[in-house]
Protein backbone atom coordinates (compact mmCIF):
# COMPACT_ATOMS: atom_id res chain seq x y z
CA MET A 1 0.00 0.00 0.00
CA THR A 2 1.42 3.39 -1.05
CA VAL A 3 0.59 6.49 0.99
CA ILE A 4 0.98 9.83 -0.80
CA LEU A 5 1.38 12.90 1.41
CA THR A 6 2.97 16.34 1.53
CA LEU A 7 4.71 18.70 3.91
CA SER A 8 3.38 21.81 2.14
CA ASN A 9 0.50 23.77 3.64
CA SER A 10 -0.65 25.50 0.45
CA ASP A 11 -3.50 25.53 -2.04
CA ASP A 12 -1.21 23.88 -4.59
CA TRP A 13 -1.61 20.56 -2.82
CA GLU A 14 -5.41 20.75 -3.11
CA ARG A 15 -5.06 21.11 -6.88
CA ILE A 16 -2.70 18.14 -6.92
CA VAL A 17 -5.15 16.02 -4.90
CA SER A 18 -7.97 16.96 -7.31
CA LYS A 19 -5.99 15.46 -10.21
CA THR A 20 -5.39 12.19 -8.39
CA PRO A 21 -7.99 9.40 -8.88
CA THR A 22 -6.52 7.55 -5.90
CA GLN A 23 -8.67 7.39 -2.78
CA ASN A 24 -8.03 10.44 -0.60
CA VAL A 25 -8.27 10.73 3.19
CA ARG A 26 -8.40 13.80 5.39
CA HIS A 27 -5.64 13.09 7.92
CA ILE A 28 -2.58 10.90 8.06
CA SER A 29 -4.18 8.90 10.89
CA ASP A 30 -6.93 7.81 8.48
CA ALA A 31 -4.45 6.26 6.04
CA SER A 32 -4.42 2.92 7.87
CA LYS A 33 -8.20 2.63 7.36
CA ALA A 34 -8.01 3.03 3.59
CA ASP A 35 -8.12 0.01 1.28
CA GLY A 36 -5.03 -0.02 -0.92
CA GLY A 37 -3.18 3.21 -1.69
CA CYS A 38 -4.42 6.67 -0.65
CA ILE A 39 -3.48 10.34 -0.78
CA VAL A 40 -3.66 12.49 2.38
CA ARG A 41 -5.27 15.93 1.99
CA GLN A 42 -3.93 17.58 5.13
CA PRO A 43 -0.18 18.34 5.22
CA ALA A 44 1.92 16.15 7.49
CA SER A 45 4.75 17.07 9.84
CA MET A 46 8.19 15.49 10.01
CA ASP A 47 7.06 13.46 13.01
CA ASP A 48 4.00 12.27 11.08
CA LEU A 49 6.31 11.22 8.27
CA ARG A 50 8.53 9.19 10.62
CA SER A 51 5.49 7.53 12.19
CA THR A 52 4.02 6.68 8.77
CA LEU A 53 7.29 5.11 7.62
CA THR A 54 7.11 2.68 10.54
CA THR A 55 3.60 1.45 9.57
CA CYS A 56 3.42 1.70 5.77
CA GLU A 57 5.21 -0.29 3.12
CA SER A 58 5.70 2.62 0.72
CA VAL A 59 5.46 6.38 1.16
CA LEU A 60 5.51 8.93 -1.65
CA LEU A 61 6.31 12.40 -0.25
CA VAL A 62 5.64 15.54 -2.28
CA TYR A 63 7.83 18.13 -0.57
CA PRO A 64 8.09 21.88 -1.20
CA SER A 65 11.30 22.92 -2.88
CA ILE A 66 13.95 24.75 -0.89
CA GLU A 67 13.28 27.93 -2.84
CA SER A 68 9.59 27.63 -1.95
CA VAL A 69 10.47 27.28 1.75
CA LEU A 70 12.76 30.34 1.58
CA SER A 71 10.12 32.32 -0.33
CA ALA A 72 7.43 31.52 2.25
CA GLU A 73 9.72 32.57 5.11
CA MET A 74 10.62 35.88 3.45
CA LYS A 75 6.97 36.58 2.66
CA SER A 76 6.18 36.17 6.35
CA GLY A 77 8.73 38.89 7.16
CA ALA A 78 11.66 36.70 8.23
CA SER A 79 15.20 37.89 7.61
CA GLU A 80 17.46 36.27 5.02
CA GLU A 81 19.54 34.59 7.73
CA THR A 82 16.44 33.10 9.37
CA ALA A 83 15.07 31.94 6.02
CA VAL A 84 18.37 30.32 5.06
CA SER A 85 18.62 28.62 8.45
CA LYS A 86 15.11 27.19 8.18
CA GLY A 87 15.74 26.09 4.61
CA ILE A 88 18.90 24.23 5.63
CA ASN A 89 17.22 22.62 8.64
CA PHE A 90 14.29 21.53 6.48
CA GLY A 91 16.53 20.01 3.80
CA GLU A 92 18.89 18.26 6.22
CA GLU A 93 16.04 16.79 8.29
CA LEU A 94 14.30 15.52 5.17
CA LEU A 95 17.55 14.03 3.82
CA THR A 96 18.18 12.31 7.16
CA ILE A 97 14.74 10.74 7.13
CA HIS A 98 15.17 9.65 3.51
CA LYS A 99 18.59 8.18 4.18
CA GLY A 100 17.18 6.04 6.99
CA ALA A 101 14.27 4.75 4.89
CA ARG A 102 15.30 5.12 1.27
CA ARG A 103 13.64 1.84 0.26
CA LYS A 104 10.24 2.93 1.62
CA LEU A 105 10.37 6.69 1.05
CA LYS A 106 10.31 8.25 -2.41
CA LEU A 107 10.65 12.02 -2.77
CA VAL A 108 8.90 14.22 -5.33
CA ASN A 109 9.72 17.91 -5.74
CA MET A 110 6.44 19.85 -5.97
CA ARG A 111 8.03 22.49 -8.18
CA HIS A 112 9.28 19.82 -10.60
CA LEU A 113 5.88 18.12 -10.50
CA SER A 114 4.13 21.27 -11.69
CA VAL A 115 6.10 21.42 -14.96
CA ALA A 116 6.48 17.69 -15.64
CA THR A 117 5.31 16.26 -18.98
CA GLU A 118 2.97 13.32 -19.39
CA ASP A 119 5.91 11.02 -20.15
CA GLU A 120 7.74 12.21 -17.03
CA LEU A 121 4.62 11.66 -14.92
CA GLN A 122 4.61 8.01 -16.00
CA ALA A 123 7.58 7.52 -13.65
CA LEU A 124 5.26 8.21 -10.74
CA SER A 125 2.88 5.41 -11.75
CA GLU A 126 5.76 2.96 -11.24
CA HIS A 127 5.73 4.07 -7.58
CA GLY A 128 1.97 3.70 -7.13
CA TRP A 129 0.76 7.21 -8.04
CA ASP A 130 -1.42 7.79 -11.08
CA ILE A 131 -1.88 11.52 -11.73
CA SER A 132 -3.72 12.99 -14.71
CA GLY A 133 -1.73 15.97 -15.94
CA SER A 134 0.60 18.43 -14.22
CA PRO A 135 -1.20 20.52 -11.61
CA GLU A 136 -1.06 24.29 -11.86
CA ILE A 137 0.64 25.91 -8.88
CA ALA A 138 1.05 29.53 -7.87
CA PRO A 139 3.30 31.47 -10.31
CA ASP A 140 6.78 32.55 -9.29
CA ASP A 141 7.31 35.95 -7.76
CA VAL A 142 10.21 38.13 -6.67
CA PHE A 143 10.55 36.13 -3.46
CA VAL A 144 11.24 32.97 -5.48
CA LEU A 145 13.83 34.91 -7.50
CA ALA A 146 15.46 36.11 -4.27
CA ALA A 147 15.34 32.58 -2.84
CA LEU A 148 17.17 31.16 -5.89
CA GLN A 149 19.80 33.87 -5.49
CA LEU A 150 20.26 32.91 -1.82
CA ILE A 151 20.67 29.26 -2.80
CA LYS A 152 23.41 30.18 -5.25
CA GLN A 153 25.20 32.36 -2.70
CA ASN A 154 25.11 29.88 0.21
CA LYS A 155 27.20 26.78 -0.38
CA LYS A 156 25.56 24.70 2.33
CA LEU A 157 22.09 25.61 1.13
CA ASN A 158 23.09 24.96 -2.48
CA LYS A 159 24.47 21.58 -1.56
CA CYS A 160 21.35 20.69 0.42
CA THR A 161 19.20 21.70 -2.57
CA GLU A 162 21.28 19.59 -4.97
CA LEU A 163 21.14 16.57 -2.65
CA LEU A 164 17.36 16.82 -2.34
CA SER A 165 17.03 17.14 -6.09
CA ALA A 166 19.33 14.15 -6.61
CA SER A 167 17.40 12.08 -4.04
CA SER A 168 14.05 12.83 -5.67
CA ILE A 169 12.32 11.04 -8.52
CA PRO A 170 13.63 12.77 -11.66
CA LEU A 171 10.90 14.72 -13.46
CA SER A 172 11.35 18.01 -15.33
CA GLN A 173 14.80 19.35 -16.28
CA SER A 174 13.54 22.97 -16.55
CA ALA A 175 12.06 23.29 -13.07
CA GLY A 176 14.75 25.73 -11.92
CA ASP A 177 14.06 28.35 -14.63
CA VAL A 178 12.48 31.60 -13.54
CA ASP A 179 10.79 34.03 -15.92
CA ILE A 180 12.06 37.36 -14.60
CA ASP A 181 10.11 39.47 -17.11
CA SER A 182 6.90 37.71 -16.14
CA ILE A 183 7.61 38.35 -12.46
CA LEU A 184 8.29 42.04 -13.10
CA ASN A 185 5.14 42.38 -15.19
CA GLY A 186 3.19 40.68 -12.42
CA TYR A 187 4.54 43.13 -9.88
CA LYS A 188 3.77 46.06 -12.14
CA THR A 189 0.22 44.76 -12.31
CA LEU A 190 0.27 44.40 -8.54
CA ALA A 191 1.48 48.00 -8.22
CA VAL A 192 -1.42 49.15 -10.42
CA ASP A 193 -3.81 47.10 -8.30
CA VAL A 194 -2.30 48.58 -5.14
CA GLU A 195 -2.75 52.07 -6.57
CA LYS A 196 -6.36 51.26 -7.38
CA SER A 197 -6.78 49.86 -3.88
CA ARG A 198 -5.23 53.03 -2.45
CA GLN A 199 -7.62 55.17 -4.48
CA SER A 200 -10.48 53.00 -3.30
CA GLU A 201 -9.29 53.42 0.28
CA GLU A 202 -9.21 57.20 -0.18
CA ASP A 203 -12.78 57.07 -1.47
CA LYS A 204 -13.72 54.98 1.55
CA LEU A 205 -11.97 57.54 3.76
CA HIS A 206 -14.14 60.26 2.26
CA GLN A 207 -17.20 58.09 2.81
CA ILE A 208 -16.16 57.48 6.41
CA SER A 209 -15.61 61.23 6.87
CA ASP A 210 -19.10 61.87 5.52
CA LEU A 211 -20.45 59.15 7.80
CA LYS A 212 -18.63 60.72 10.76
CA HIS A 213 -20.17 64.09 9.90
CA GLU A 214 -23.61 62.52 9.57
CA LEU A 215 -23.04 60.61 12.80
CA SER A 216 -22.04 63.82 14.60
CA GLN A 217 -25.25 65.44 13.36
CA LYS A 218 -27.27 62.49 14.58
CA VAL A 219 -25.44 62.61 17.91
CA GLY A 220 -26.42 66.29 18.14
CA ASN A 221 -30.00 65.34 17.35
CA VAL A 222 -29.82 62.69 20.05
CA HIS A 223 -28.52 65.26 22.55
CA ALA A 224 -31.36 67.61 21.59
CA MET A 225 -33.83 64.77 22.02
CA GLN A 226 -32.27 63.97 25.38
CA ASN A 227 -32.71 67.61 26.44
CA GLU A 228 -36.31 67.50 25.24
CA ARG A 229 -36.77 64.25 27.12
CA ASP A 230 -35.35 65.86 30.29
CA LEU A 231 -37.75 68.80 29.85
CA LEU A 232 -40.68 66.42 29.39
CA GLN A 233 -39.57 64.44 32.42
CA SER A 234 -39.53 67.63 34.53
CA GLN A 235 -42.97 68.52 33.20
CA LEU A 236 -44.18 65.02 33.99
CA ILE A 237 -42.78 65.31 37.50
CA GLN A 238 -44.60 68.62 37.93
CA VAL A 239 -47.85 67.08 36.65
CA GLN A 240 -47.36 64.13 38.97
CA GLU A 241 -46.87 66.51 41.90
CA GLU A 242 -50.03 68.41 40.94
CA LEU A 243 -51.91 65.12 40.64
CA GLU A 244 -50.64 64.04 44.03
CA ALA A 245 -51.80 67.37 45.56
CA TYR A 246 -55.13 67.02 43.81
CA TYR A 247 -55.40 63.45 45.02
CA THR A 248 -54.65 64.59 48.60
CA GLN A 249 -57.35 67.26 48.33
CA SER A 250 -59.83 64.73 46.95
CA GLU A 251 -59.01 62.38 49.82
CA GLU A 252 -59.53 65.19 52.33
CA LEU A 253 -62.81 66.07 50.61
CA LYS A 254 -63.86 62.42 50.79
CA ALA A 255 -63.07 62.36 54.52
CA SER A 256 -64.97 65.64 55.08
CA LEU A 257 -67.96 64.36 53.13
CA GLN A 258 -67.84 61.14 55.11
CA ARG A 259 -67.82 63.10 58.37
CA GLU A 260 -70.73 65.26 57.16
CA LYS A 261 -72.56 62.14 56.14
CA VAL A 262 -72.09 60.64 59.61
CA THR A 263 -73.20 63.91 61.23
CA ALA A 264 -76.28 64.10 58.99
CA THR A 265 -77.14 60.50 59.82
CA GLN A 266 -76.82 61.23 63.51
CA SER A 267 -78.96 64.39 63.13
CA GLU A 268 -81.55 62.42 61.21
CA ARG A 269 -81.68 59.79 63.93
CA LYS A 270 -82.04 62.46 66.64
CA ALA A 271 -84.79 64.22 64.67
CA GLN A 272 -86.66 60.96 64.22
CA ASP A 273 -86.34 60.29 67.96
CA ALA A 274 -87.61 63.81 68.76
CA VAL A 275 -90.60 63.44 66.41
CA GLN A 276 -91.48 60.14 67.96
CA GLU A 277 -91.16 61.64 71.44
CA LEU A 278 -93.31 64.65 70.47
CA GLN A 279 -95.92 62.40 68.97
CA ARG A 280 -95.93 60.37 72.12
CA LEU A 281 -96.18 63.53 74.24
CA ASN A 282 -99.02 64.86 72.11
CA ALA A 283 -100.91 61.66 72.62
CA ALA A 284 -100.22 61.87 76.37
CA GLN A 285 -101.40 65.49 76.49
CA VAL A 286 -104.61 64.61 74.65
CA GLU A 287 -105.23 61.85 77.11
CA ASP A 288 -104.54 64.28 79.99
CA LEU A 289 -107.02 66.81 78.62
CA ASN A 290 -109.67 64.15 78.21
CA SER A 291 -109.00 63.04 81.76
CA LEU A 292 -109.35 66.66 83.00
CA LYS A 293 -112.66 67.12 81.22
CA LEU A 294 -114.03 63.84 82.50
CA ALA A 295 -112.70 64.41 86.07
CA LEU A 296 -113.83 67.97 86.37
CA ALA A 297 -115.97 67.05 89.32
CA ASN A 298 -113.03 65.79 91.30
CA LYS A 299 -110.82 68.88 90.88
CA GLU A 300 -108.24 68.10 93.47
CA SER A 301 -107.64 64.59 92.22
CA LEU A 302 -107.58 65.86 88.66
CA ALA A 303 -105.15 68.62 89.58
CA ASN A 304 -102.84 66.13 91.23
CA ASP A 305 -102.99 63.85 88.22
CA LEU A 306 -102.46 66.82 85.97
CA TRP A 307 -99.53 67.97 88.04
CA GLU A 308 -97.98 64.50 87.83
CA GLN A 309 -98.60 64.35 84.10
CA VAL A 310 -97.18 67.81 83.70
CA HIS A 311 -94.18 66.81 85.83
CA ASP A 312 -93.69 63.69 83.70
CA GLY A 313 -94.02 65.75 80.53
CA LEU A 314 -91.54 68.26 81.94
CA ALA A 315 -89.04 65.46 82.65
CA LYS A 316 -89.51 64.10 79.16
CA ILE A 317 -89.21 67.56 77.64
CA GLU A 318 -86.05 68.17 79.63
CA ALA A 319 -84.63 64.85 78.31
CA LEU A 320 -85.60 65.95 74.82
CA LEU A 321 -83.93 69.31 75.43
CA ASN A 322 -80.72 67.53 76.46
CA GLU A 323 -80.74 65.66 73.14
CA ARG A 324 -81.51 68.71 71.04
CA GLU A 325 -78.82 71.32 71.59
CA ASP A 326 -80.02 73.40 68.65
CA ASP A 327 -83.47 73.90 70.38
CA LYS A 328 -81.99 74.82 73.78
CA ASN A 329 -83.38 78.34 73.93
CA THR A 330 -86.87 77.27 72.88
CA LEU A 331 -86.91 74.40 75.38
CA SER A 332 -85.68 76.76 78.10
CA GLU A 333 -88.71 78.99 77.50
CA ARG A 334 -90.93 75.93 77.56
CA SER A 335 -89.32 74.82 80.82
CA ALA A 336 -89.95 78.22 82.37
CA LEU A 337 -93.50 78.14 81.10
CA LEU A 338 -93.94 74.66 82.52
CA LYS A 339 -92.46 75.78 85.83
CA SER A 340 -94.94 78.65 85.84
CA PHE A 341 -97.64 76.19 85.03
CA GLU A 342 -96.42 73.99 87.88
CA ALA A 343 -96.62 76.90 90.23
CA GLN A 344 -100.07 77.62 89.03
CA ALA A 345 -100.95 73.97 89.40
CA GLU A 346 -99.67 74.05 92.95
CA GLU A 347 -101.75 77.08 93.60
CA ARG A 348 -104.72 75.32 92.05
CA SER A 349 -104.12 72.37 94.32
CA LYS A 350 -104.27 74.76 97.24
CA GLU A 351 -107.13 76.66 95.90
CA ASN A 352 -109.65 74.25 94.58
CA GLU A 353 -111.94 77.02 93.97
CA LEU A 354 -109.68 78.58 91.36
CA LEU A 355 -109.02 75.23 89.70
CA LYS A 356 -111.43 75.79 86.92
CA ALA A 357 -109.89 79.16 86.09
CA HIS A 358 -106.48 77.71 86.32
CA LEU A 359 -107.58 74.75 84.16
CA ILE A 360 -108.64 77.15 81.50
CA THR A 361 -105.28 78.80 81.80
CA VAL A 362 -103.65 75.41 81.54
CA GLN A 363 -105.69 74.66 78.47
CA GLU A 364 -104.49 77.89 76.94
CA GLU A 365 -100.95 77.03 77.84
CA LEU A 366 -101.40 73.59 76.36
CA GLU A 367 -102.65 75.17 73.18
CA LYS A 368 -99.48 77.25 73.15
CA TYR A 369 -97.59 74.06 73.79
CA PHE A 370 -99.30 72.47 70.81
CA VAL A 371 -98.39 75.53 68.79
CA ASN A 372 -94.80 75.21 69.96
CA ALA A 373 -94.92 71.50 69.17
CA SER A 374 -96.11 72.36 65.68
CA ASN A 375 -93.23 74.81 65.46
CA ALA A 376 -90.90 72.06 66.61
CA GLU A 377 -92.31 69.80 63.91
CA GLU A 378 -91.74 72.58 61.41
CA HIS A 379 -88.22 72.96 62.76
CA LEU A 380 -87.70 69.21 62.40
CA THR A 381 -89.09 69.43 58.88
CA THR A 382 -86.60 72.20 58.22
CA GLU A 383 -83.83 70.05 59.60
CA LEU A 384 -84.98 67.17 57.41
CA GLU A 385 -84.91 69.53 54.44
CA GLN A 386 -81.43 70.63 55.47
CA ARG A 387 -80.44 66.98 55.80
CA ASN A 388 -81.84 66.32 52.32
CA ALA A 389 -79.94 69.35 51.08
CA LEU A 390 -76.79 67.99 52.72
CA GLN A 391 -77.47 64.62 51.10
CA ASN A 392 -77.88 66.36 47.77
CA GLU A 393 -74.65 68.25 48.36
CA LEU A 394 -73.05 64.97 49.38
CA SER A 395 -74.34 63.33 46.19
CA ILE A 396 -73.07 66.28 44.16
CA SER A 397 -69.73 66.07 45.96
CA GLN A 398 -69.59 62.33 45.26
CA LYS A 399 -70.34 62.99 41.61
CA LYS A 400 -67.65 65.66 41.57
CA LEU A 401 -65.34 63.20 43.30
CA GLN A 402 -66.15 60.53 40.70
CA GLN A 403 -65.60 63.09 37.96
CA LEU A 404 -62.29 64.13 39.52
CA THR A 405 -61.33 60.47 39.91
CA SER A 406 -62.22 59.87 36.26
CA GLU A 407 -60.25 62.95 35.23
CA ASN A 408 -57.38 61.74 37.39
CA ALA A 409 -57.51 58.31 35.73
CA THR A 410 -57.65 60.01 32.31
CA LEU A 411 -54.65 62.18 33.19
CA GLU A 412 -52.75 59.16 34.50
CA SER A 413 -53.62 57.23 31.31
CA ARG A 414 -52.50 60.16 29.17
CA LEU A 415 -49.36 60.44 31.27
CA LEU A 416 -48.65 56.72 30.81
CA ARG A 417 -49.24 57.03 27.06
CA VAL A 418 -46.95 60.06 26.88
CA GLU A 419 -44.27 58.26 28.90
CA ASP A 420 -44.65 55.11 26.78
CA ALA A 421 -44.46 57.15 23.56
CA LYS A 422 -41.38 58.94 24.86
CA ARG A 423 -39.78 55.66 25.92
CA GLN A 424 -40.52 54.11 22.52
CA GLN A 425 -39.19 57.19 20.73
CA HIS A 426 -36.10 57.25 22.95
CA SER A 427 -35.58 53.48 22.47
CA ALA A 428 -35.92 53.91 18.69
CA HIS A 429 -33.35 56.70 18.70
CA ILE A 430 -31.03 54.69 20.93
CA ARG A 431 -31.35 51.64 18.62
CA GLU A 432 -30.70 53.80 15.58
CA LEU A 433 -27.71 55.40 17.29
CA LYS A 434 -26.32 52.01 18.32
CA GLN A 435 -26.85 50.66 14.79
CA GLN A 436 -25.01 53.65 13.36
CA GLN A 437 -22.25 53.21 15.93
CA ARG A 438 -21.93 49.53 14.99
CA GLU A 439 -21.81 50.41 11.29
CA TYR A 440 -19.24 53.08 12.01
CA THR A 441 -17.16 50.65 14.07
CA LYS A 442 -17.30 48.05 11.28
CA LEU A 443 -16.32 50.64 8.67
CA GLU A 444 -13.54 51.94 10.89
CA HIS A 445 -12.24 48.41 11.54
CA LYS A 446 -12.43 47.59 7.84
CA PHE A 447 -10.72 50.86 7.01
CA LYS A 448 -7.91 50.19 9.48
CA GLN A 449 -7.51 46.65 8.16
CA GLN A 450 -7.45 47.78 4.53
CA ARG A 451 -5.17 50.69 5.40
CA GLY A 452 -2.79 48.25 7.10
CA GLU A 453 -2.91 45.93 4.08
CA LEU A 454 -2.40 48.89 1.76
CA ALA A 455 0.56 50.11 3.79
CA SER A 456 2.02 46.60 3.83
CA HIS A 457 1.56 46.15 0.08
CA THR A 458 2.84 49.64 -0.63
CA GLN A 459 5.91 49.12 1.53
CA GLN A 460 6.54 45.74 -0.01
CA VAL A 461 6.17 47.07 -3.56
CA LYS A 462 8.42 50.02 -2.80
CA ARG A 463 11.06 47.75 -1.26
CA LEU A 464 10.96 45.37 -4.20
CA GLU A 465 10.98 48.22 -6.70
CA ASN A 466 13.98 49.77 -4.94
CA GLU A 467 15.81 46.44 -4.85
CA LEU A 468 15.00 45.77 -8.47
CA GLU A 469 15.97 49.30 -9.47
CA ASN A 470 19.27 48.99 -7.58
CA ILE A 471 19.94 45.64 -9.21
CA LYS A 472 19.15 47.01 -12.68
CA LYS A 473 21.28 50.11 -12.10
CA SER A 474 24.26 48.07 -10.96
CA GLY A 475 27.02 47.55 -13.46
CA SER A 476 27.28 43.87 -12.68
CA TRP A 477 23.65 43.38 -13.66
CA LYS A 478 24.15 45.13 -17.01
CA ILE A 479 27.44 43.38 -17.68
CA GLY A 480 26.07 40.00 -16.60
CA ALA A 481 22.91 40.20 -18.75
CA PRO A 482 24.41 38.23 -21.65
CA ALA A 483 25.95 35.77 -19.21
CA ARG A 484 22.63 35.25 -17.52
CA ALA A 485 20.94 34.64 -20.83
CA VAL A 486 23.64 32.12 -21.76
CA GLY A 487 23.40 30.60 -18.29
CA ARG A 488 19.65 30.12 -18.66
CA ALA A 489 20.16 28.55 -22.02
CA LEU A 490 22.88 26.27 -20.70
CA SER A 491 20.79 25.30 -17.65
CA LYS A 492 18.12 24.02 -19.98
CA VAL A 493 20.46 21.77 -21.90
CA ASP A 494 23.00 20.85 -19.22
CA LYS A 495 21.49 17.45 -18.48
CA LYS A 496 24.88 16.03 -17.51
CA LYS A 497 25.15 18.41 -14.58
CA HIS A 498 21.62 17.58 -13.52
CA LYS A 499 22.37 13.86 -13.75
CA LEU A 500 25.54 14.39 -11.71
CA GLN A 501 23.54 16.09 -8.98
CA GLN A 502 21.05 13.23 -8.94
CA ASP A 503 23.85 10.69 -8.66
CA ILE A 504 25.43 12.69 -5.80
CA GLY A 505 22.11 12.66 -3.97
CA LEU A 506 21.80 8.92 -4.57
CA LEU A 507 25.25 8.34 -3.04
CA TYR A 508 24.53 10.43 0.03
CA THR A 509 21.31 8.53 0.69
CA SER A 510 23.03 5.16 0.41
CA ASP A 511 24.74 3.25 3.20
CA LEU A 512 27.35 2.02 0.70
CA PHE A 513 28.88 5.50 0.38
CA ASP A 514 30.48 6.80 3.56
CA ALA A 515 31.73 10.36 3.05
CA ASP A 516 33.66 10.48 6.34
CA TRP A 517 35.40 7.17 5.60
CA TYR A 518 36.21 8.37 2.08
CA LEU A 519 37.86 11.58 3.30
CA LYS A 520 39.69 9.77 6.11
CA THR A 521 40.96 7.04 3.77
CA TYR A 522 42.03 9.53 1.07
CA PRO A 523 43.43 12.62 2.88
CA ASP A 524 44.41 14.29 -0.41
CA ILE A 525 40.71 14.71 -1.19
CA ALA A 526 40.05 16.22 2.25
CA GLU A 527 42.96 18.65 1.69
CA ALA A 528 41.58 19.65 -1.69
CA GLY A 529 38.24 20.61 -0.05
CA VAL A 530 36.10 19.07 -2.79
CA ASP A 531 32.83 17.25 -2.33
CA PRO A 532 33.65 13.55 -1.69
CA ALA A 533 30.64 12.20 -3.60
CA GLU A 534 31.32 14.43 -6.59
CA HIS A 535 35.02 13.45 -6.57
CA TYR A 536 34.16 9.75 -6.45
CA LEU A 537 31.77 10.05 -9.38
CA LYS A 538 34.14 12.13 -11.53
CA TYR A 539 37.53 10.68 -10.63
CA GLY A 540 37.52 8.30 -7.67
CA ALA A 541 35.99 5.24 -9.37
CA GLU A 542 38.33 5.56 -12.37
CA GLU A 543 41.29 5.90 -9.96
CA GLY A 544 40.21 2.69 -8.20
CA ARG A 545 39.22 4.38 -4.97
CA LEU A 546 36.55 2.69 -2.85
CA PRO A 547 33.37 4.59 -1.73
CA SER A 548 33.25 2.75 1.61
CA ALA A 549 34.48 -0.37 3.37
CA TYR A 550 31.39 -2.24 2.19
CA PHE A 551 31.64 -1.75 -1.60
CA ASP A 552 34.60 -2.60 -3.88
CA GLY A 553 34.10 -0.99 -7.26
CA ASN A 554 37.20 -2.62 -8.74
CA TRP A 555 36.07 -6.10 -7.77
CA TYR A 556 32.55 -5.28 -9.02
CA LEU A 557 33.82 -4.33 -12.49
CA GLN A 558 36.11 -7.40 -12.67
CA ARG A 559 33.30 -9.72 -11.65
CA TYR A 560 30.83 -8.19 -14.13
CA PRO A 561 32.70 -7.29 -17.35
CA ASP A 562 29.51 -6.10 -19.05
CA ILE A 563 29.36 -3.24 -16.56
CA ALA A 564 33.02 -2.38 -17.14
CA ASP A 565 32.33 -2.15 -20.88
CA SER A 566 29.48 0.31 -20.31
CA LYS A 567 31.84 2.81 -18.61
CA VAL A 568 29.25 3.45 -15.88
CA ASN A 569 30.14 4.19 -12.27
CA PRO A 570 30.06 0.81 -10.47
CA LEU A 571 28.29 2.01 -7.29
CA ILE A 572 25.67 3.96 -9.27
CA HIS A 573 24.99 0.87 -11.39
CA TYR A 574 24.70 -1.32 -8.32
CA LEU A 575 22.30 1.09 -6.55
CA LYS A 576 20.09 1.59 -9.59
CA PHE A 577 20.15 -1.86 -11.17
CA GLY A 578 22.69 -4.27 -9.71
CA GLN A 579 21.05 -4.99 -6.36
CA ASN A 580 17.69 -5.56 -8.09
CA GLU A 581 19.43 -7.91 -10.55
CA GLY A 582 20.98 -9.94 -7.70
CA ARG A 583 24.57 -8.79 -8.25
CA THR A 584 27.03 -8.53 -5.35
CA GLY A 585 28.96 -5.34 -4.50
CA SER A 586 32.04 -6.78 -2.76
CA PRO A 587 33.70 -10.08 -1.70
CA LYS A 588 32.46 -9.51 1.86
CA LEU A 589 28.90 -9.27 0.68
CA LEU A 590 29.44 -12.39 -1.41
CA GLU A 591 30.74 -14.27 1.61
CA ASN A 592 27.83 -13.10 3.73
CA SER A 593 25.31 -14.18 1.11
CA ALA A 594 27.05 -17.58 0.77
CA GLU A 595 26.95 -18.15 4.50
């Protein structure tokens, strides 16, 4: 089962996955669940790669090129030293992993993959990856150009790049070419776009200024509305105070009317009691008169009875006078009259002879009493009329109170409606103000963000333009223009150099080539300061030098004359073909296989 994955976190990998008919999984942890081969959509880390190599039979890794790593670092704002350091660490770590698992791990350069032809892509199918056409990746920019320049200037980085290229499945020979004119045209277009973006930002600034002005006007309107609201609140407070005073007065009026009602009820009860008492007294007086007429013969007895009746009537009248304070003066006169009558009655008791005359006088006095009783009835009638008038006034006052209560309820309802309308109006203005503030905040945030992006793009464009202008103005650039053109032409056709780099990478990833042993065994090479793998490929094999203690190229060529006739490097032949054909690389290996 072949697992295809990448270390690149870019959109280019998504386009590559879309061109692969192989089953794809989301994460590297899902690869073990797939039937057969699969391609992992999410980028893996170096640790994920090591873990996968321990569980899978074959891993095909599409890695970002060193120049892509450097370009990404410089785009993120890293310095050249930091970018170079990360590029070297990335390449060395990947080479170390590949060297430890070269039989399982196959490397594919993503940059080479993007420009590979259909015939070159057929090499991938031999490793378990069928891909339909070269995927389109992001075009090169100035950062890629700068990254290639850094690779050329740094020997360690250049060597790491060559080893990775040599250790990878060979695809396109023109992957290292960069179209400078296209990059410059792209950045000119970017500068135009930035200028348009700047103009757009200025227009947005004007719009924001207008919005600020409009917002300030609305804030002023809100302040005016708040002042109006405060004025209305003070008016409402004043109305509430007036209503409270009016309510207090109405309560006092209710209490006064209640007291008057109680007083009138008491007066009515007293008047009814007086009428009943007078009626009773009238009946008693009539009975007394009838008794006097019938008992005229017995004058003394009649006078005594009359005196007792008069005394009883006097006591009752005095009780009535105590209950009726308003008739005090009238009752006092009646009391005096009755006392006079008592005196006369006493005289009549003494003088029986004058009883008849005195009886007549008593009759006259009784008639006056009846007249006074009639007057008392009239007075009671007057009091009843006054009570009725008070009841009418009370009814009118109650109606007025009900009217005032209704008016109070109406005023309170109107006050509630006014307060509710003001609250709704205030809430609407507050919501509108908050909405405008939110819109302003969004516009301001967007403006700041776009202004930051504009400043970043502008600064970047200016820096690149200055660098490019300085490079173009330099004499070395003008002098080296023909050389660069020739160099680009030679790089397209120099397949031997490319093959040499691939063979160097193959040696460094093999256990049969030990660079330290080679330099220690042949000190002249260490003194010359040349690359041991390159020296072995160019000169060492022909001079009979051994690449390590475990491979004897001289013995290999003697044992297999057909290889000696082909003039091919013995170790390269063994790594590419010999071990698969069952050939042996040294007598020690032959002895080990025999044992």
